[in-house]
């Protein structure tokens, strides 16, 4: 159902660092009203954890599959997570491993 709460972890592969990808996701997430975080990984991928209503999360995932102008997304892997309402807002997190 479109209104159900959904929580996912996402890894995005391709040319996704140095092109404003995290800020792009941050702005779109805030405008959609989803919560969670986004960060760069040392191996060149971007990782995010996103939660919100199913339709909002799906919209953000579609946006992440496209990326900003200078990005080139090769793949976007989505992993469902249990639990919900873990976050109050959306933020850019420190870089991860």
C-alpha atoms as a PDB file:
ATOM      1  CA  UNK A   1       0.000   0.000   0.000  1.00  0.00           C
ATOM      2  CA  UNK A   2       1.311   3.471  -0.915  1.00  0.00           C
ATOM      3  CA  UNK A   3       0.912   4.898   2.601  1.00  0.00           C
ATOM      4  CA  UNK A   4       2.803   2.174   4.451  1.00  0.00           C
ATOM      5  CA  UNK A   5       6.126   2.996   6.092  1.00  0.00           C
ATOM      6  CA  UNK A   6       9.154   1.574   4.295  1.00  0.00           C
ATOM      7  CA  UNK A   7      12.827   1.569   5.245  1.00  0.00           C
ATOM      8  CA  UNK A   8      15.659   0.619   2.878  1.00  0.00           C
ATOM      9  CA  UNK A   9      19.424   0.737   2.535  1.00  0.00           C
ATOM     10  CA  UNK A  10      20.675   1.789  -0.903  1.00  0.00           C
ATOM     11  CA  UNK A  11      24.091   1.530  -2.531  1.00  0.00           C
ATOM     12  CA  UNK A  12      24.688   3.438  -5.737  1.00  0.00           C
ATOM     13  CA  UNK A  13      27.548   2.494  -8.080  1.00  0.00           C
ATOM     14  CA  UNK A  14      29.094   4.480 -10.908  1.00  0.00           C
ATOM     15  CA  UNK A  15      30.402   8.016 -11.179  1.00  0.00           C
ATOM     16  CA  UNK A  16      28.608   9.201  -8.054  1.00  0.00           C
ATOM     17  CA  UNK A  17      31.311  10.982  -6.054  1.00  0.00           C
ATOM     18  CA  UNK A  18      32.613  14.446  -6.846  1.00  0.00           C
ATOM     19  CA  UNK A  19      29.440  15.315  -8.778  1.00  0.00           C
ATOM     20  CA  UNK A  20      27.197  16.620  -5.978  1.00  0.00           C
ATOM     21  CA  UNK A  21      25.301  13.342  -5.589  1.00  0.00           C
ATOM     22  CA  UNK A  22      24.895  13.513  -1.799  1.00  0.00           C
ATOM     23  CA  UNK A  23      23.588  17.091  -1.889  1.00  0.00           C
ATOM     24  CA  UNK A  24      21.273  16.192  -4.764  1.00  0.00           C
ATOM     25  CA  UNK A  25      19.810  13.305  -2.719  1.00  0.00           C
ATOM     26  CA  UNK A  26      19.654  15.442   0.428  1.00  0.00           C
ATOM     27  CA  UNK A  27      17.623  18.177  -1.279  1.00  0.00           C
ATOM     28  CA  UNK A  28      15.259  15.722  -2.971  1.00  0.00           C
ATOM     29  CA  UNK A  29      14.756  13.723   0.239  1.00  0.00           C
ATOM     30  CA  UNK A  30      13.848  16.875   2.141  1.00  0.00           C
ATOM     31  CA  UNK A  31      11.390  17.971  -0.536  1.00  0.00           C
ATOM     32  CA  UNK A  32       9.741  14.507  -0.497  1.00  0.00           C
ATOM     33  CA  UNK A  33       9.559  14.380   3.297  1.00  0.00           C
ATOM     34  CA  UNK A  34      11.601  11.194   3.767  1.00  0.00           C
ATOM     35  CA  UNK A  35      14.095  10.715   6.580  1.00  0.00           C
ATOM     36  CA  UNK A  36      17.476   8.999   6.861  1.00  0.00           C
ATOM     37  CA  UNK A  37      20.973   9.750   5.642  1.00  0.00           C
ATOM     38  CA  UNK A  38      23.343   9.627   2.665  1.00  0.00           C
ATOM     39  CA  UNK A  39      27.149   9.286   2.620  1.00  0.00           C
ATOM     40  CA  UNK A  40      30.142   8.529   0.422  1.00  0.00           C
ATOM     41  CA  UNK A  41      31.902   5.199   0.798  1.00  0.00           C
ATOM     42  CA  UNK A  42      35.666   4.804   0.413  1.00  0.00           C
ATOM     43  CA  UNK A  43      35.224   2.456  -2.555  1.00  0.00           C
ATOM     44  CA  UNK A  44      33.563   5.186  -4.673  1.00  0.00           C
ATOM     45  CA  UNK A  45      29.933   4.217  -4.051  1.00  0.00           C
ATOM     46  CA  UNK A  46      27.278   6.259  -2.308  1.00  0.00           C
ATOM     47  CA  UNK A  47      25.225   4.653   0.449  1.00  0.00           C
ATOM     48  CA  UNK A  48      21.936   5.820   1.914  1.00  0.00           C
ATOM     49  CA  UNK A  49      19.352   4.707   4.392  1.00  0.00           C
ATOM     50  CA  UNK A  50      15.894   6.007   3.569  1.00  0.00           C
ATOM     51  CA  UNK A  51      12.564   5.728   5.332  1.00  0.00           C
ATOM     52  CA  UNK A  52       9.147   7.131   4.640  1.00  0.00           C
ATOM     53  CA  UNK A  53       5.883   6.273   3.014  1.00  0.00           C
ATOM     54  CA  UNK A  54       6.242   3.680   0.275  1.00  0.00           C
ATOM     55  CA  UNK A  55       5.442   6.099  -2.563  1.00  0.00           C
ATOM     56  CA  UNK A  56       7.877   8.731  -1.220  1.00  0.00           C
ATOM     57  CA  UNK A  57      10.674   6.178  -0.910  1.00  0.00           C
ATOM     58  CA  UNK A  58       9.986   4.901  -4.430  1.00  0.00           C
ATOM     59  CA  UNK A  59      10.176   8.442  -5.810  1.00  0.00           C
ATOM     60  CA  UNK A  60      13.524   9.044  -4.107  1.00  0.00           C
ATOM     61  CA  UNK A  61      14.856   5.714  -5.406  1.00  0.00           C
ATOM     62  CA  UNK A  62      13.882   6.726  -8.950  1.00  0.00           C
ATOM     63  CA  UNK A  63      15.668  10.050  -8.440  1.00  0.00           C
ATOM     64  CA  UNK A  64      18.774   8.254  -7.137  1.00  0.00           C
ATOM     65  CA  UNK A  65      18.800   5.969 -10.189  1.00  0.00           C
ATOM     66  CA  UNK A  66      19.038   9.083 -12.382  1.00  0.00           C
ATOM     67  CA  UNK A  67      21.399  11.175 -10.250  1.00  0.00           C
ATOM     68  CA  UNK A  68      22.442  14.777 -10.825  1.00  0.00           C
ATOM     69  CA  UNK A  69      23.597  16.117 -14.183  1.00  0.00           C
ATOM     70  CA  UNK A  70      27.242  15.017 -14.087  1.00  0.00           C
ATOM     71  CA  UNK A  71      26.701  11.653 -12.389  1.00  0.00           C
ATOM     72  CA  UNK A  72      26.610   8.344 -14.218  1.00  0.00           C
ATOM     73  CA  UNK A  73      24.684   5.755 -12.207  1.00  0.00           C
ATOM     74  CA  UNK A  74      25.584   2.199 -13.193  1.00  0.00           C
ATOM     75  CA  UNK A  75      23.458   0.443 -10.591  1.00  0.00           C
ATOM     76  CA  UNK A  76      21.312   1.169  -7.579  1.00  0.00           C
ATOM     77  CA  UNK A  77      20.944  -1.738  -5.155  1.00  0.00           C
ATOM     78  CA  UNK A  78      18.093  -1.613  -2.657  1.00  0.00           C
ATOM     79  CA  UNK A  79      17.987  -3.720   0.503  1.00  0.00           C
ATOM     80  CA  UNK A  80      14.850  -3.754   2.683  1.00  0.00           C
ATOM     81  CA  UNK A  81      15.336  -3.075   6.396  1.00  0.00           C
ATOM     82  CA  UNK A  82      13.049  -3.916   9.277  1.00  0.00           C
ATOM     83  CA  UNK A  83      11.789  -1.377  11.737  1.00  0.00           C
ATOM     84  CA  UNK A  84      10.875   2.172  11.035  1.00  0.00           C
ATOM     85  CA  UNK A  85      10.799   5.685  12.363  1.00  0.00           C
ATOM     86  CA  UNK A  86      14.508   5.582  13.125  1.00  0.00           C
ATOM     87  CA  UNK A  87      15.175   9.165  11.989  1.00  0.00           C
ATOM     88  CA  UNK A  88      13.734  12.609  12.590  1.00  0.00           C
ATOM     89  CA  UNK A  89      15.150  14.211   9.431  1.00  0.00           C
ATOM     90  CA  UNK A  90      17.411  13.576   6.448  1.00  0.00           C
ATOM     91  CA  UNK A  91      21.112  14.385   6.676  1.00  0.00           C
ATOM     92  CA  UNK A  92      24.450  13.978   4.987  1.00  0.00           C
ATOM     93  CA  UNK A  93      26.410  11.557   7.175  1.00  0.00           C
ATOM     94  CA  UNK A  94      30.200  11.305   7.570  1.00  0.00           C
ATOM     95  CA  UNK A  95      31.942   9.154   4.982  1.00  0.00           C
ATOM     96  CA  UNK A  96      31.800   5.428   5.646  1.00  0.00           C
ATOM     97  CA  UNK A  97      33.878   2.413   4.869  1.00  0.00           C
END
